[in-house]
Amino acid sequence: MAALPTLEAGDDLSDLVDRVARDKERIVLTRAGEGLAVIVPLEDLELMEAMEDRLDLEDAREARREAQEKGTISLAALKKELEI
């Protein structure tokens, strides 16, 4: 994975985007030698979002199972418990 200071990336942004899109390269943008952001192919972003969606769905299913097992309380009871 290539790394490039943000100041240099600005001058060559069009070329960097072409490399990422064409070659599926990932480019880390740095500032003061530290990673700051990444330019990634659209396919990578779509995969990351699909993975996040899947994890969110698993969490929601687990929360639903827990609510069915342990039960729930009303909003009024929660407010009273939290003294809101």
Protein backbone atom coordinates (compact mmCIF):
# COMPACT_ATOMS: atom_id res chain seq x y z
CA MET A 1 0.00 0.00 0.00
CA ALA A 2 1.48 3.30 -1.08
CA ALA A 3 1.75 6.25 1.30
CA LEU A 4 1.85 9.86 0.21
CA PRO A 5 1.88 13.21 2.05
CA THR A 6 -1.34 15.14 1.56
CA LEU A 7 0.55 18.11 0.09
CA GLU A 8 1.88 15.92 -2.71
CA ALA A 9 -1.45 14.17 -3.22
CA GLY A 10 -3.21 17.43 -3.98
CA ASP A 11 -1.01 18.05 -7.00
CA ASP A 12 -1.61 14.56 -8.40
CA LEU A 13 -5.14 13.79 -7.23
CA SER A 14 -6.47 12.93 -10.67
CA ASP A 15 -3.59 10.50 -11.27
CA LEU A 16 -4.03 8.96 -7.82
CA VAL A 17 -7.73 8.37 -8.41
CA ASP A 18 -6.93 6.77 -11.77
CA ARG A 19 -4.42 4.42 -10.11
CA VAL A 20 -6.90 3.45 -7.43
CA ALA A 21 -9.74 2.87 -9.88
CA ARG A 22 -7.69 1.11 -12.54
CA ASP A 23 -5.18 -0.87 -10.48
CA LYS A 24 -7.29 -1.33 -7.32
CA GLU A 25 -4.42 0.23 -5.38
CA ARG A 26 -4.97 1.65 -1.90
CA ILE A 27 -3.17 4.89 -1.09
CA VAL A 28 -2.63 6.17 2.45
CA LEU A 29 -2.55 9.94 2.76
CA THR A 30 -0.21 11.15 5.48
CA ARG A 31 0.47 14.33 7.40
CA ALA A 32 3.63 14.70 9.44
CA GLY A 33 4.40 11.06 8.68
CA GLU A 34 1.16 9.79 10.23
CA GLY A 35 -1.63 8.07 8.32
CA LEU A 36 -4.59 10.39 7.95
CA ALA A 37 -6.96 8.96 5.33
CA VAL A 38 -7.03 6.37 2.58
CA ILE A 39 -8.10 6.47 -1.04
CA VAL A 40 -9.58 3.07 -1.82
CA PRO A 41 -11.38 1.52 -4.78
CA LEU A 42 -15.15 1.80 -4.68
CA GLU A 43 -15.37 -1.99 -4.44
CA ASP A 44 -13.42 -1.88 -1.16
CA LEU A 45 -15.82 0.67 0.30
CA GLU A 46 -18.83 -1.35 -0.79
CA LEU A 47 -17.35 -4.46 0.84
CA MET A 48 -16.64 -2.60 4.09
CA GLU A 49 -20.18 -1.23 4.18
CA ALA A 50 -21.64 -4.68 3.53
CA MET A 51 -19.56 -6.09 6.37
CA GLU A 52 -20.72 -3.30 8.70
CA ASP A 53 -24.34 -3.95 7.71
CA ARG A 54 -23.93 -7.64 8.46
CA LEU A 55 -22.41 -6.91 11.88
CA ASP A 56 -25.22 -4.44 12.65
CA LEU A 57 -27.80 -7.06 11.72
CA GLU A 58 -26.12 -9.65 13.96
CA ASP A 59 -26.10 -7.13 16.84
CA ALA A 60 -29.79 -6.33 16.29
CA ARG A 61 -30.69 -10.03 16.27
CA GLU A 62 -28.74 -10.57 19.47
CA ALA A 63 -30.45 -7.59 21.12
CA ARG A 64 -33.83 -8.94 20.07
CA ARG A 65 -33.02 -12.40 21.50
CA GLU A 66 -31.89 -10.80 24.74
CA ALA A 67 -35.08 -8.72 24.95
CA GLN A 68 -37.19 -11.83 24.39
CA GLU A 69 -35.29 -13.74 27.08
CA LYS A 70 -35.01 -10.99 29.70
CA GLY A 71 -38.02 -8.90 28.81
CA THR A 72 -38.25 -5.16 28.39
CA ILE A 73 -39.44 -2.17 30.40
CA SER A 74 -41.51 0.83 29.39
CA LEU A 75 -40.04 4.22 28.62
CA ALA A 76 -41.75 5.62 31.70
CA ALA A 77 -40.12 2.97 33.90
CA LEU A 78 -36.73 3.67 32.33
CA LYS A 79 -37.09 7.41 32.95
CA LYS A 80 -38.04 6.75 36.55
CA GLU A 81 -35.07 4.40 36.97
CA LEU A 82 -32.72 7.01 35.49
CA GLU A 83 -34.44 9.82 37.41
CA ILE A 84 -35.11 11.83 34.26
